[in-house]
Amino acid sequence: MDGQPSVSAAIEQIAPRLRSAREKKGISLADLARATGISTSTLSRLESAQRKPSLELLLPITAALGIPLDEIVAAPRILDPRVPQQSTGKDGRVLIPLSRQQGEPRAYKMTIPAHDNEPHLRTHDGYEWLYVLRGQLRVRLSDEDFIMGVGEAAEFDCHIPHWFGASARGSVEVLSLFGKQGERIHLRTQRR
């Protein structure tokens, strides 16, 4: 995986951030040159992206401006583009979407905290498939109440009153596939 575009983007942001930080402080290039010992022309070329920034230049500049280095140099975000990592949370549950496409079914990695162990049955359109990665998952399907361990999977129609959460033994992590159209997981047990 190539992280270069992200690194290049981070470097491109240094010049405008330098200029903005200096202007916010109301310091001229000449004043900054005196404070840092870096020539006015070098400072000007840094701010106009005509000179590559280096730590030897950036450290005295940020010290003279009284700002942290990370205000000028943001760490590049190098993520696997195949897996979106924008997580959401609700009531302590953390949901990380794993599907890149906007269609269905959708895949999620879900972490459920230990305190989320009180069943609240609900129904809605769709079909859900769950696979336990870590911990023990408590599942309620109508009147059925059972515990699933690592490596176990379940699938159900969401029109059935259901709830799933942590067992009494701690938090749980699951993979979830969900489709509103009632798609079911098809298991192939033999080669064709």
N, C-alpha and C. Protein backbone atom coordinates (compact mmCIF):
# COMPACT_ATOMS: atom_id res chain seq x y z
N MET A 1 0.83 -1.18 0.00
CA MET A 1 0.00 0.00 0.00
C MET A 1 0.88 1.24 0.00
N ASP A 2 0.58 2.18 -0.85
CA ASP A 2 1.41 3.36 -0.99
C ASP A 2 0.82 4.52 -0.22
N GLY A 3 1.57 5.06 0.75
CA GLY A 3 1.10 6.17 1.56
C GLY A 3 1.55 7.51 1.03
N GLN A 4 2.22 7.55 -0.15
CA GLN A 4 2.78 8.78 -0.68
C GLN A 4 1.78 9.91 -0.88
N PRO A 5 0.58 9.67 -1.46
CA PRO A 5 -0.33 10.79 -1.65
C PRO A 5 -0.67 11.49 -0.34
N SER A 6 -0.82 10.73 0.73
CA SER A 6 -1.15 11.31 2.02
C SER A 6 0.02 12.11 2.58
N VAL A 7 1.25 11.61 2.41
CA VAL A 7 2.45 12.31 2.88
C VAL A 7 2.62 13.59 2.09
N SER A 8 2.45 13.52 0.77
CA SER A 8 2.57 14.71 -0.07
C SER A 8 1.55 15.77 0.33
N ALA A 9 0.32 15.33 0.61
CA ALA A 9 -0.72 16.29 1.02
C ALA A 9 -0.36 16.96 2.34
N ALA A 10 0.23 16.20 3.27
CA ALA A 10 0.63 16.77 4.55
C ALA A 10 1.74 17.80 4.35
N ILE A 11 2.70 17.51 3.47
CA ILE A 11 3.80 18.45 3.20
C ILE A 11 3.27 19.72 2.53
N GLU A 12 2.31 19.57 1.61
CA GLU A 12 1.75 20.73 0.91
C GLU A 12 1.05 21.70 1.87
N GLN A 13 0.58 21.20 2.98
CA GLN A 13 -0.14 22.05 3.95
C GLN A 13 0.79 22.85 4.85
N ILE A 14 2.08 22.53 4.86
CA ILE A 14 3.02 23.21 5.75
C ILE A 14 3.16 24.68 5.40
N ALA A 15 3.37 25.01 4.13
CA ALA A 15 3.60 26.40 3.72
C ALA A 15 2.43 27.32 4.12
N PRO A 16 1.18 26.98 3.76
CA PRO A 16 0.09 27.88 4.17
C PRO A 16 -0.11 27.94 5.68
N ARG A 17 0.17 26.86 6.36
CA ARG A 17 0.04 26.86 7.82
C ARG A 17 1.10 27.75 8.47
N LEU A 18 2.32 27.73 7.92
CA LEU A 18 3.38 28.61 8.44
C LEU A 18 2.97 30.07 8.31
N ARG A 19 2.53 30.44 7.11
CA ARG A 19 2.14 31.83 6.86
C ARG A 19 0.99 32.23 7.77
N SER A 20 -0.01 31.38 7.87
CA SER A 20 -1.18 31.68 8.70
C SER A 20 -0.80 31.84 10.16
N ALA A 21 0.05 30.95 10.68
CA ALA A 21 0.47 31.03 12.09
C ALA A 21 1.24 32.32 12.35
N ARG A 22 2.13 32.67 11.44
CA ARG A 22 2.93 33.90 11.61
C ARG A 22 2.03 35.13 11.57
N GLU A 23 1.09 35.16 10.62
CA GLU A 23 0.19 36.31 10.50
C GLU A 23 -0.74 36.43 11.70
N LYS A 24 -1.20 35.30 12.23
CA LYS A 24 -2.05 35.34 13.44
C LYS A 24 -1.33 35.95 14.62
N LYS A 25 -0.03 35.70 14.70
CA LYS A 25 0.77 36.25 15.80
C LYS A 25 1.16 37.70 15.54
N GLY A 26 0.91 38.20 14.31
CA GLY A 26 1.24 39.58 13.97
C GLY A 26 2.75 39.82 13.88
N ILE A 27 3.47 38.81 13.45
CA ILE A 27 4.93 38.90 13.34
C ILE A 27 5.32 39.01 11.88
N SER A 28 6.21 39.95 11.57
CA SER A 28 6.69 40.10 10.19
C SER A 28 7.75 39.06 9.90
N LEU A 29 8.03 38.86 8.60
CA LEU A 29 9.11 37.95 8.21
C LEU A 29 10.45 38.41 8.80
N ALA A 30 10.68 39.71 8.80
CA ALA A 30 11.94 40.25 9.33
C ALA A 30 12.07 39.95 10.82
N ASP A 31 10.96 40.13 11.58
CA ASP A 31 10.99 39.83 13.02
C ASP A 31 11.23 38.34 13.27
N LEU A 32 10.59 37.50 12.47
CA LEU A 32 10.78 36.05 12.62
C LEU A 32 12.21 35.66 12.27
N ALA A 33 12.77 36.31 11.25
CA ALA A 33 14.17 36.04 10.86
C ALA A 33 15.11 36.38 12.01
N ARG A 34 14.90 37.51 12.66
CA ARG A 34 15.74 37.90 13.80
C ARG A 34 15.59 36.90 14.96
N ALA A 35 14.37 36.45 15.21
CA ALA A 35 14.11 35.54 16.33
C ALA A 35 14.67 34.14 16.10
N THR A 36 14.77 33.73 14.83
CA THR A 36 15.17 32.36 14.54
C THR A 36 16.59 32.23 13.99
N GLY A 37 17.11 33.32 13.45
CA GLY A 37 18.42 33.24 12.79
C GLY A 37 18.32 32.67 11.39
N ILE A 38 17.10 32.52 10.88
CA ILE A 38 16.87 32.02 9.52
C ILE A 38 16.63 33.25 8.64
N SER A 39 17.24 33.28 7.46
CA SER A 39 17.12 34.46 6.60
C SER A 39 15.68 34.71 6.18
N THR A 40 15.38 35.97 5.92
CA THR A 40 14.04 36.38 5.48
C THR A 40 13.69 35.69 4.17
N SER A 41 14.66 35.57 3.27
CA SER A 41 14.38 34.93 1.97
C SER A 41 14.04 33.45 2.15
N THR A 42 14.73 32.76 3.07
CA THR A 42 14.42 31.35 3.33
C THR A 42 13.03 31.21 3.92
N LEU A 43 12.68 32.09 4.86
CA LEU A 43 11.34 32.06 5.45
C LEU A 43 10.27 32.31 4.39
N SER A 44 10.52 33.26 3.52
CA SER A 44 9.57 33.58 2.45
C SER A 44 9.39 32.39 1.51
N ARG A 45 10.50 31.72 1.16
CA ARG A 45 10.41 30.56 0.27
C ARG A 45 9.69 29.39 0.96
N LEU A 46 9.87 29.23 2.27
CA LEU A 46 9.14 28.20 3.01
C LEU A 46 7.63 28.46 2.96
N GLU A 47 7.25 29.72 3.17
CA GLU A 47 5.83 30.08 3.19
C GLU A 47 5.18 30.03 1.81
N SER A 48 5.98 30.10 0.77
CA SER A 48 5.42 30.04 -0.59
C SER A 48 5.66 28.66 -1.22
N ALA A 49 6.10 27.70 -0.42
CA ALA A 49 6.33 26.31 -0.85
C ALA A 49 7.41 26.20 -1.93
N GLN A 50 8.32 27.17 -1.99
CA GLN A 50 9.42 27.12 -2.94
C GLN A 50 10.64 26.43 -2.32
N ARG A 51 10.60 26.17 -1.03
CA ARG A 51 11.68 25.47 -0.34
C ARG A 51 11.06 24.34 0.48
N LYS A 52 11.69 23.18 0.44
CA LYS A 52 11.19 22.04 1.21
C LYS A 52 11.42 22.29 2.69
N PRO A 53 10.42 22.04 3.52
CA PRO A 53 10.59 22.23 4.96
C PRO A 53 11.42 21.11 5.56
N SER A 54 12.18 21.43 6.58
CA SER A 54 12.95 20.43 7.32
C SER A 54 12.78 20.72 8.81
N LEU A 55 13.08 19.74 9.63
CA LEU A 55 12.98 19.95 11.08
C LEU A 55 13.92 21.06 11.53
N GLU A 56 15.12 21.15 10.91
CA GLU A 56 16.08 22.18 11.29
C GLU A 56 15.51 23.58 11.09
N LEU A 57 14.60 23.73 10.15
CA LEU A 57 13.96 25.02 9.91
C LEU A 57 12.67 25.17 10.72
N LEU A 58 11.87 24.10 10.77
CA LEU A 58 10.56 24.19 11.40
C LEU A 58 10.62 24.32 12.93
N LEU A 59 11.56 23.62 13.56
CA LEU A 59 11.64 23.67 15.03
C LEU A 59 11.91 25.08 15.56
N PRO A 60 12.91 25.82 15.03
CA PRO A 60 13.10 27.18 15.54
C PRO A 60 11.94 28.11 15.21
N ILE A 61 11.29 27.89 14.08
CA ILE A 61 10.15 28.75 13.69
C ILE A 61 8.99 28.53 14.66
N THR A 62 8.63 27.27 14.92
CA THR A 62 7.50 27.01 15.83
C THR A 62 7.83 27.46 17.24
N ALA A 63 9.11 27.34 17.65
CA ALA A 63 9.51 27.81 18.98
C ALA A 63 9.36 29.33 19.07
N ALA A 64 9.79 30.04 18.03
CA ALA A 64 9.70 31.50 18.03
C ALA A 64 8.24 31.97 18.00
N LEU A 65 7.38 31.20 17.31
CA LEU A 65 5.96 31.56 17.25
C LEU A 65 5.21 31.09 18.50
N GLY A 66 5.84 30.23 19.28
CA GLY A 66 5.20 29.73 20.50
C GLY A 66 4.05 28.79 20.22
N ILE A 67 4.20 27.96 19.19
CA ILE A 67 3.14 27.00 18.82
C ILE A 67 3.74 25.60 18.74
N PRO A 68 2.93 24.56 18.94
CA PRO A 68 3.45 23.20 18.81
C PRO A 68 3.72 22.87 17.34
N LEU A 69 4.68 22.01 17.10
CA LEU A 69 5.04 21.60 15.75
C LEU A 69 3.85 20.98 15.01
N ASP A 70 3.02 20.23 15.74
CA ASP A 70 1.90 19.57 15.05
C ASP A 70 0.82 20.54 14.59
N GLU A 71 0.92 21.80 14.95
CA GLU A 71 0.01 22.80 14.40
C GLU A 71 0.41 23.14 12.96
N ILE A 72 1.68 22.93 12.64
CA ILE A 72 2.20 23.19 11.30
C ILE A 72 2.30 21.91 10.49
N VAL A 73 2.73 20.83 11.13
CA VAL A 73 2.92 19.56 10.44
C VAL A 73 1.92 18.55 10.97
N ALA A 74 0.88 18.29 10.21
CA ALA A 74 -0.11 17.29 10.59
C ALA A 74 0.39 15.93 10.14
N ALA A 75 0.24 14.93 10.98
CA ALA A 75 0.65 13.57 10.61
C ALA A 75 -0.20 13.09 9.44
N PRO A 76 0.44 12.49 8.44
CA PRO A 76 -0.35 11.99 7.31
C PRO A 76 -1.23 10.83 7.75
N ARG A 77 -2.43 10.76 7.18
CA ARG A 77 -3.33 9.65 7.48
C ARG A 77 -3.12 8.59 6.42
N ILE A 78 -2.53 7.50 6.83
CA ILE A 78 -2.29 6.41 5.90
C ILE A 78 -3.17 5.25 6.33
N LEU A 79 -4.29 5.13 5.65
CA LEU A 79 -5.25 4.08 5.97
C LEU A 79 -5.42 3.16 4.78
N ASP A 80 -5.86 1.98 5.05
CA ASP A 80 -6.18 1.05 3.99
C ASP A 80 -7.43 1.59 3.27
N PRO A 81 -7.30 1.99 2.00
CA PRO A 81 -8.46 2.57 1.32
C PRO A 81 -9.58 1.57 1.08
N ARG A 82 -9.29 0.28 1.27
CA ARG A 82 -10.33 -0.72 1.06
C ARG A 82 -11.27 -0.81 2.25
N VAL A 83 -10.87 -0.28 3.40
CA VAL A 83 -11.69 -0.41 4.60
C VAL A 83 -11.92 0.96 5.22
N PRO A 84 -13.12 1.52 5.07
CA PRO A 84 -13.40 2.80 5.73
C PRO A 84 -13.29 2.64 7.24
N GLN A 85 -12.73 3.63 7.93
CA GLN A 85 -12.48 3.51 9.35
C GLN A 85 -13.26 4.53 10.19
N GLN A 86 -14.23 5.19 9.62
CA GLN A 86 -14.99 6.20 10.35
C GLN A 86 -15.98 5.50 11.28
N SER A 87 -15.66 5.45 12.55
CA SER A 87 -16.53 4.74 13.49
C SER A 87 -17.61 5.67 14.03
N THR A 88 -18.69 5.07 14.47
CA THR A 88 -19.76 5.80 15.13
C THR A 88 -20.04 5.09 16.44
N GLY A 89 -20.65 5.80 17.34
CA GLY A 89 -20.97 5.19 18.62
C GLY A 89 -22.33 5.60 19.12
N LYS A 90 -22.95 4.70 19.84
CA LYS A 90 -24.24 4.99 20.46
C LYS A 90 -24.38 4.10 21.68
N ASP A 91 -24.68 4.72 22.81
CA ASP A 91 -24.88 3.99 24.07
C ASP A 91 -23.70 3.07 24.40
N GLY A 92 -22.49 3.50 24.06
CA GLY A 92 -21.30 2.73 24.37
C GLY A 92 -20.90 1.74 23.30
N ARG A 93 -21.78 1.45 22.35
CA ARG A 93 -21.45 0.55 21.25
C ARG A 93 -20.64 1.33 20.22
N VAL A 94 -19.61 0.69 19.68
CA VAL A 94 -18.80 1.31 18.63
C VAL A 94 -19.01 0.51 17.36
N LEU A 95 -19.37 1.20 16.29
CA LEU A 95 -19.69 0.57 15.02
C LEU A 95 -18.73 1.10 13.96
N ILE A 96 -17.96 0.18 13.34
CA ILE A 96 -17.02 0.56 12.29
C ILE A 96 -17.51 -0.06 10.99
N PRO A 97 -17.89 0.78 10.01
CA PRO A 97 -18.33 0.22 8.73
C PRO A 97 -17.16 -0.43 7.98
N LEU A 98 -17.39 -1.60 7.43
CA LEU A 98 -16.37 -2.30 6.67
C LEU A 98 -16.69 -2.34 5.19
N SER A 99 -17.90 -1.96 4.82
CA SER A 99 -18.32 -1.96 3.41
C SER A 99 -17.92 -0.66 2.76
N ARG A 100 -17.33 -0.74 1.61
CA ARG A 100 -16.96 0.47 0.87
C ARG A 100 -18.14 0.98 0.04
N GLN A 101 -18.90 0.05 -0.53
CA GLN A 101 -20.03 0.45 -1.36
C GLN A 101 -21.21 0.89 -0.50
N GLN A 102 -22.09 1.66 -1.10
CA GLN A 102 -23.25 2.16 -0.36
C GLN A 102 -24.44 1.22 -0.43
N GLY A 103 -24.34 0.17 -1.24
CA GLY A 103 -25.46 -0.77 -1.38
C GLY A 103 -25.56 -1.72 -0.20
N GLU A 104 -26.33 -2.77 -0.40
CA GLU A 104 -26.53 -3.74 0.66
C GLU A 104 -26.15 -5.11 0.16
N PRO A 105 -25.84 -6.04 1.05
CA PRO A 105 -25.78 -5.87 2.49
C PRO A 105 -24.57 -5.03 2.92
N ARG A 106 -24.64 -4.50 4.14
CA ARG A 106 -23.58 -3.69 4.73
C ARG A 106 -22.86 -4.52 5.79
N ALA A 107 -21.54 -4.35 5.87
CA ALA A 107 -20.74 -5.07 6.85
C ALA A 107 -20.21 -4.11 7.90
N TYR A 108 -20.21 -4.55 9.16
CA TYR A 108 -19.75 -3.73 10.28
C TYR A 108 -18.94 -4.57 11.25
N LYS A 109 -18.01 -3.93 11.92
CA LYS A 109 -17.37 -4.52 13.10
C LYS A 109 -17.94 -3.74 14.27
N MET A 110 -18.46 -4.45 15.26
CA MET A 110 -19.15 -3.81 16.37
C MET A 110 -18.52 -4.25 17.70
N THR A 111 -18.27 -3.28 18.57
CA THR A 111 -17.82 -3.57 19.92
C THR A 111 -18.94 -3.17 20.87
N ILE A 112 -19.34 -4.10 21.71
CA ILE A 112 -20.44 -3.87 22.66
C ILE A 112 -19.87 -3.91 24.06
N PRO A 113 -20.07 -2.85 24.85
CA PRO A 113 -19.49 -2.81 26.20
C PRO A 113 -20.19 -3.80 27.14
N ALA A 114 -19.47 -4.18 28.20
CA ALA A 114 -19.99 -5.16 29.17
C ALA A 114 -21.31 -4.72 29.79
N HIS A 115 -21.50 -3.42 30.00
CA HIS A 115 -22.72 -2.95 30.67
C HIS A 115 -23.95 -3.02 29.77
N ASP A 116 -23.76 -3.26 28.46
CA ASP A 116 -24.89 -3.36 27.53
C ASP A 116 -25.37 -4.81 27.52
N ASN A 117 -26.04 -5.21 28.61
CA ASN A 117 -26.44 -6.61 28.75
C ASN A 117 -27.91 -6.78 29.12
N GLU A 118 -28.69 -5.71 29.02
CA GLU A 118 -30.12 -5.77 29.35
C GLU A 118 -30.93 -5.79 28.05
N PRO A 119 -31.63 -6.90 27.77
CA PRO A 119 -32.37 -7.01 26.51
C PRO A 119 -33.50 -5.98 26.36
N HIS A 120 -33.56 -5.39 25.18
CA HIS A 120 -34.65 -4.50 24.75
C HIS A 120 -35.03 -4.96 23.35
N LEU A 121 -36.04 -5.81 23.27
CA LEU A 121 -36.42 -6.39 21.98
C LEU A 121 -36.99 -5.34 21.05
N ARG A 122 -36.66 -5.47 19.75
CA ARG A 122 -37.20 -4.57 18.74
C ARG A 122 -37.33 -5.33 17.43
N THR A 123 -38.06 -4.75 16.50
CA THR A 123 -38.22 -5.33 15.17
C THR A 123 -38.03 -4.23 14.14
N HIS A 124 -37.61 -4.63 12.95
CA HIS A 124 -37.47 -3.70 11.82
C HIS A 124 -37.26 -4.52 10.57
N ASP A 125 -37.27 -3.87 9.43
CA ASP A 125 -37.02 -4.57 8.18
C ASP A 125 -35.58 -5.03 8.11
N GLY A 126 -35.35 -6.12 7.39
CA GLY A 126 -33.99 -6.55 7.13
C GLY A 126 -33.66 -7.92 7.65
N TYR A 127 -32.42 -8.29 7.42
CA TYR A 127 -31.89 -9.59 7.80
C TYR A 127 -30.50 -9.37 8.35
N GLU A 128 -30.16 -10.03 9.46
CA GLU A 128 -28.87 -9.81 10.11
C GLU A 128 -28.11 -11.12 10.26
N TRP A 129 -26.79 -11.03 10.06
CA TRP A 129 -25.88 -12.14 10.26
C TRP A 129 -24.81 -11.67 11.23
N LEU A 130 -24.53 -12.43 12.28
CA LEU A 130 -23.56 -12.06 13.31
C LEU A 130 -22.50 -13.14 13.45
N TYR A 131 -21.25 -12.72 13.66
CA TYR A 131 -20.14 -13.63 13.89
C TYR A 131 -19.34 -13.09 15.07
N VAL A 132 -19.12 -13.90 16.09
CA VAL A 132 -18.44 -13.45 17.31
C VAL A 132 -16.92 -13.54 17.12
N LEU A 133 -16.25 -12.37 17.28
CA LEU A 133 -14.79 -12.30 17.18
C LEU A 133 -14.11 -12.43 18.53
N ARG A 134 -14.72 -11.83 19.57
CA ARG A 134 -14.12 -11.82 20.91
C ARG A 134 -15.23 -11.73 21.94
N GLY A 135 -15.07 -12.44 23.03
CA GLY A 135 -16.05 -12.38 24.11
C GLY A 135 -17.22 -13.32 23.88
N GLN A 136 -18.30 -13.04 24.61
CA GLN A 136 -19.52 -13.84 24.49
C GLN A 136 -20.69 -12.92 24.19
N LEU A 137 -21.46 -13.27 23.18
CA LEU A 137 -22.60 -12.48 22.74
C LEU A 137 -23.88 -13.12 23.24
N ARG A 138 -24.69 -12.32 23.92
CA ARG A 138 -26.00 -12.79 24.35
C ARG A 138 -27.00 -12.36 23.28
N VAL A 139 -27.82 -13.31 22.84
CA VAL A 139 -28.80 -13.05 21.78
C VAL A 139 -30.19 -13.43 22.27
N ARG A 140 -31.15 -12.55 22.04
CA ARG A 140 -32.57 -12.84 22.31
C ARG A 140 -33.31 -12.78 20.99
N LEU A 141 -33.97 -13.87 20.63
CA LEU A 141 -34.84 -13.92 19.46
C LEU A 141 -36.20 -14.36 19.96
N SER A 142 -37.12 -13.41 20.08
CA SER A 142 -38.44 -13.67 20.63
C SER A 142 -38.28 -14.26 22.03
N ASP A 143 -38.68 -15.52 22.24
CA ASP A 143 -38.56 -16.13 23.56
C ASP A 143 -37.24 -16.87 23.77
N GLU A 144 -36.46 -17.02 22.71
CA GLU A 144 -35.17 -17.73 22.84
C GLU A 144 -34.11 -16.79 23.37
N ASP A 145 -33.29 -17.28 24.29
CA ASP A 145 -32.21 -16.50 24.89
C ASP A 145 -30.98 -17.41 24.93
N PHE A 146 -29.91 -17.06 24.22
CA PHE A 146 -28.74 -17.92 24.19
C PHE A 146 -27.46 -17.11 24.13
N ILE A 147 -26.35 -17.78 24.45
CA ILE A 147 -25.02 -17.18 24.47
C ILE A 147 -24.21 -17.78 23.33
N MET A 148 -23.53 -16.91 22.57
CA MET A 148 -22.65 -17.35 21.49
C MET A 148 -21.20 -17.04 21.87
N GLY A 149 -20.29 -17.96 21.53
CA GLY A 149 -18.87 -17.77 21.81
C GLY A 149 -18.09 -17.43 20.56
N VAL A 150 -16.79 -17.25 20.72
CA VAL A 150 -15.90 -16.90 19.62
C VAL A 150 -16.00 -17.94 18.51
N GLY A 151 -16.16 -17.45 17.28
CA GLY A 151 -16.24 -18.33 16.12
C GLY A 151 -17.64 -18.80 15.78
N GLU A 152 -18.62 -18.45 16.60
CA GLU A 152 -19.99 -18.87 16.32
C GLU A 152 -20.71 -17.78 15.54
N ALA A 153 -21.68 -18.23 14.72
CA ALA A 153 -22.43 -17.30 13.88
C ALA A 153 -23.92 -17.55 14.02
N ALA A 154 -24.69 -16.51 13.78
CA ALA A 154 -26.16 -16.62 13.79
C ALA A 154 -26.70 -15.71 12.71
N GLU A 155 -27.85 -16.07 12.18
CA GLU A 155 -28.55 -15.21 11.23
C GLU A 155 -30.03 -15.24 11.56
N PHE A 156 -30.69 -14.08 11.34
CA PHE A 156 -32.11 -14.02 11.66
C PHE A 156 -32.79 -12.91 10.89
N ASP A 157 -34.10 -13.10 10.73
CA ASP A 157 -34.97 -12.11 10.11
C ASP A 157 -35.27 -11.06 11.18
N CYS A 158 -35.05 -9.80 10.86
CA CYS A 158 -35.23 -8.73 11.85
C CYS A 158 -36.69 -8.40 12.15
N HIS A 159 -37.62 -9.07 11.47
CA HIS A 159 -39.03 -8.94 11.83
C HIS A 159 -39.34 -9.71 13.12
N ILE A 160 -38.46 -10.64 13.47
CA ILE A 160 -38.59 -11.37 14.74
C ILE A 160 -38.11 -10.42 15.84
N PRO A 161 -38.87 -10.28 16.92
CA PRO A 161 -38.39 -9.43 18.03
C PRO A 161 -37.02 -9.93 18.48
N HIS A 162 -36.02 -9.01 18.48
CA HIS A 162 -34.66 -9.45 18.76
C HIS A 162 -33.87 -8.38 19.52
N TRP A 163 -32.77 -8.85 20.09
CA TRP A 163 -31.78 -8.01 20.77
C TRP A 163 -30.51 -8.82 20.87
N PHE A 164 -29.36 -8.15 20.78
CA PHE A 164 -28.10 -8.83 21.09
C PHE A 164 -27.20 -7.84 21.81
N GLY A 165 -26.40 -8.37 22.73
CA GLY A 165 -25.53 -7.53 23.53
C GLY A 165 -24.50 -8.38 24.26
N ALA A 166 -23.89 -7.80 25.26
CA ALA A 166 -22.84 -8.49 26.01
C ALA A 166 -23.46 -9.51 26.96
N SER A 167 -22.71 -10.57 27.20
CA SER A 167 -23.12 -11.50 28.25
C SER A 167 -22.62 -10.91 29.57
N ALA A 168 -22.82 -11.60 30.65
CA ALA A 168 -22.38 -11.10 31.95
C ALA A 168 -20.87 -11.17 32.12
N ARG A 169 -20.15 -11.68 31.12
CA ARG A 169 -18.71 -11.91 31.25
C ARG A 169 -17.85 -10.84 30.59
N GLY A 170 -18.37 -9.71 30.23
CA GLY A 170 -17.54 -8.65 29.66
C GLY A 170 -17.98 -8.21 28.28
N SER A 171 -17.16 -7.33 27.69
CA SER A 171 -17.49 -6.77 26.38
C SER A 171 -17.36 -7.84 25.30
N VAL A 172 -17.92 -7.53 24.15
CA VAL A 172 -17.92 -8.49 23.04
C VAL A 172 -17.68 -7.73 21.74
N GLU A 173 -17.04 -8.41 20.80
CA GLU A 173 -16.76 -7.84 19.49
C GLU A 173 -17.33 -8.78 18.44
N VAL A 174 -18.11 -8.22 17.50
CA VAL A 174 -18.75 -9.05 16.48
C VAL A 174 -18.61 -8.44 15.10
N LEU A 175 -18.71 -9.29 14.09
CA LEU A 175 -18.88 -8.85 12.72
C LEU A 175 -20.36 -8.96 12.43
N SER A 176 -20.89 -7.97 11.73
CA SER A 176 -22.31 -7.96 11.42
C SER A 176 -22.50 -7.67 9.94
N LEU A 177 -23.34 -8.47 9.29
CA LEU A 177 -23.80 -8.18 7.92
C LEU A 177 -25.28 -7.89 8.04
N PHE A 178 -25.70 -6.79 7.45
CA PHE A 178 -27.10 -6.40 7.54
C PHE A 178 -27.61 -5.96 6.18
N GLY A 179 -28.78 -6.46 5.82
CA GLY A 179 -29.43 -6.06 4.58
C GLY A 179 -30.90 -5.81 4.81
N LYS A 180 -31.40 -4.69 4.33
CA LYS A 180 -32.82 -4.35 4.53
C LYS A 180 -33.74 -5.16 3.63
N GLN A 181 -33.21 -5.72 2.57
CA GLN A 181 -34.05 -6.44 1.62
C GLN A 181 -34.24 -7.91 1.97
N GLY A 182 -33.67 -8.35 3.08
CA GLY A 182 -33.85 -9.73 3.49
C GLY A 182 -32.87 -10.69 2.85
N GLU A 183 -31.70 -10.18 2.41
CA GLU A 183 -30.70 -11.08 1.84
C GLU A 183 -30.27 -12.07 2.92
N ARG A 184 -30.08 -13.30 2.53
CA ARG A 184 -29.61 -14.31 3.47
C ARG A 184 -28.21 -14.71 3.08
N ILE A 185 -27.46 -15.18 4.06
CA ILE A 185 -26.12 -15.69 3.82
C ILE A 185 -26.28 -17.08 3.21
N HIS A 186 -25.59 -17.33 2.12
CA HIS A 186 -25.66 -18.64 1.47
C HIS A 186 -24.36 -19.38 1.75
N LEU A 187 -24.48 -20.52 2.41
CA LEU A 187 -23.31 -21.34 2.72
C LEU A 187 -23.19 -22.42 1.66
N ARG A 188 -22.01 -22.54 1.10
CA ARG A 188 -21.75 -23.58 0.12
C ARG A 188 -20.96 -24.66 0.81
N THR A 189 -21.52 -25.87 0.89
CA THR A 189 -20.87 -26.94 1.65
C THR A 189 -20.10 -27.90 0.76
N GLN A 190 -20.32 -27.85 -0.53
CA GLN A 190 -19.58 -28.73 -1.43
C GLN A 190 -19.18 -27.99 -2.67
N ARG A 191 -18.11 -28.47 -3.30
CA ARG A 191 -17.66 -27.84 -4.53
C ARG A 191 -18.56 -28.26 -5.67
N ARG A 192 -18.74 -27.31 -6.60
CA ARG A 192 -19.57 -27.64 -7.77
C ARG A 192 -18.70 -27.88 -8.96
